[in-house]
Amino acid sequence: MNIPLSKSRAVSGKILFARNCALAFAQGKLSIKTPDLMHTGEIDGWSYLVMTRLAGQASREVWASVGQRDRLEIVSRLGWQ
C-alpha cells in the first residue's frame, strides 16, 4: 500500500482530495491499470488516503528520459480514453 503524506495540512487536504477525484474518475476507464482507492480519512486534521501499489516504475521516475514525441503520444492517448 502507498500512503502519501504531506507536512502541510492545508495543502495535503487539497492534494489528496484532487488525487481521490482523479482516481475515482479514471477507475476502469483507461487502457492501463490504475491504483484502487482503499480508504480516505482524516486524523488530527491530517487528510490521508490508502491505495494499492502497482508493479513497475513510477512515471515520475522515467518521464525525464521519455522523448518529446513519445510524451505527446502518451498524453494524447490518455486524454482520449
Protein backbone atom coordinates (compact mmCIF):
# COMPACT_ATOMS: atom_id res chain seq x y z
CA MET A 1 0.00 0.00 0.00
CA ASN A 2 1.07 3.54 -0.66
CA ILE A 3 0.32 6.24 1.89
CA PRO A 4 1.29 9.71 0.64
CA LEU A 5 1.98 12.15 3.47
CA SER A 6 2.46 15.90 3.38
CA LYS A 7 3.85 18.25 6.02
CA SER A 8 1.35 21.00 5.13
CA ARG A 9 -2.12 20.23 6.43
CA ALA A 10 -3.89 22.75 4.17
CA VAL A 11 -2.10 21.65 1.01
CA SER A 12 -2.32 17.99 1.98
CA GLY A 13 -6.11 18.04 2.12
CA LYS A 14 -6.43 19.73 -1.28
CA ILE A 15 -3.91 17.44 -2.95
CA LEU A 16 -5.45 14.31 -1.51
CA PHE A 17 -8.95 15.44 -2.48
CA ALA A 18 -7.73 16.01 -6.06
CA ARG A 19 -5.96 12.64 -6.08
CA ASN A 20 -9.09 10.95 -4.76
CA CYS A 21 -11.21 12.56 -7.50
CA ALA A 22 -8.70 11.62 -10.21
CA LEU A 23 -8.52 8.01 -9.04
CA ALA A 24 -12.30 7.72 -8.88
CA PHE A 25 -12.68 9.27 -12.35
CA ALA A 26 -10.03 7.07 -14.01
CA GLN A 27 -11.06 3.80 -12.34
CA GLY A 28 -11.78 1.28 -15.09
CA LYS A 29 -11.77 3.89 -17.89
CA LEU A 30 -8.15 3.74 -19.01
CA SER A 31 -6.35 1.08 -21.02
CA ILE A 32 -3.73 0.99 -18.26
CA LYS A 33 -4.14 -0.23 -14.69
CA THR A 34 -4.80 2.43 -12.07
CA PRO A 35 -4.43 2.10 -8.29
CA ASP A 36 -7.51 1.05 -6.34
CA LEU A 37 -8.56 3.56 -3.72
CA MET A 38 -8.93 1.60 -0.48
CA HIS A 39 -9.77 4.28 2.08
CA THR A 40 -9.67 8.02 2.76
CA GLY A 41 -9.91 9.80 6.05
CA GLU A 42 -8.53 12.37 8.43
CA ILE A 43 -6.62 12.04 11.70
CA ASP A 44 -5.98 15.11 13.86
CA GLY A 45 -6.51 17.44 10.88
CA TRP A 46 -4.27 15.37 8.54
CA SER A 47 -6.01 14.03 5.45
CA TYR A 48 -4.85 10.69 4.10
CA LEU A 49 -5.69 8.08 1.52
CA VAL A 50 -4.72 4.46 1.15
CA MET A 51 -4.39 2.97 -2.33
CA THR A 52 -2.96 -0.16 -3.85
CA ARG A 53 0.56 -0.08 -5.27
CA LEU A 54 1.10 -1.00 -8.90
CA ALA A 55 4.04 -3.01 -10.16
CA GLY A 56 6.68 -1.27 -12.28
CA GLN A 57 8.32 2.14 -12.20
CA ALA A 58 6.57 5.37 -11.30
CA SER A 59 6.07 7.72 -14.25
CA ARG A 60 7.85 10.48 -12.33
CA GLU A 61 10.99 8.30 -12.31
CA VAL A 62 11.11 7.76 -16.09
CA TRP A 63 9.37 10.83 -17.53
CA ALA A 64 12.62 12.79 -17.97
CA SER A 65 14.01 10.03 -20.22
CA VAL A 66 10.90 9.96 -22.47
CA GLY A 67 11.30 11.93 -25.71
CA GLN A 68 9.01 14.84 -26.60
CA ARG A 69 7.21 12.93 -29.37
CA ASP A 70 6.56 9.97 -27.07
CA ARG A 71 5.31 12.29 -24.31
CA LEU A 72 2.80 13.83 -26.68
CA GLU A 73 1.66 10.37 -27.78
CA ILE A 74 1.21 9.22 -24.17
CA VAL A 75 -0.80 12.23 -23.02
CA SER A 76 -2.86 12.21 -26.23
CA ARG A 77 -3.83 8.59 -25.71
CA LEU A 78 -4.68 9.10 -22.05
CA GLY A 79 -6.71 12.19 -22.88
CA TRP A 80 -8.92 10.27 -25.32
CA GLN A 81 -9.74 7.33 -23.06
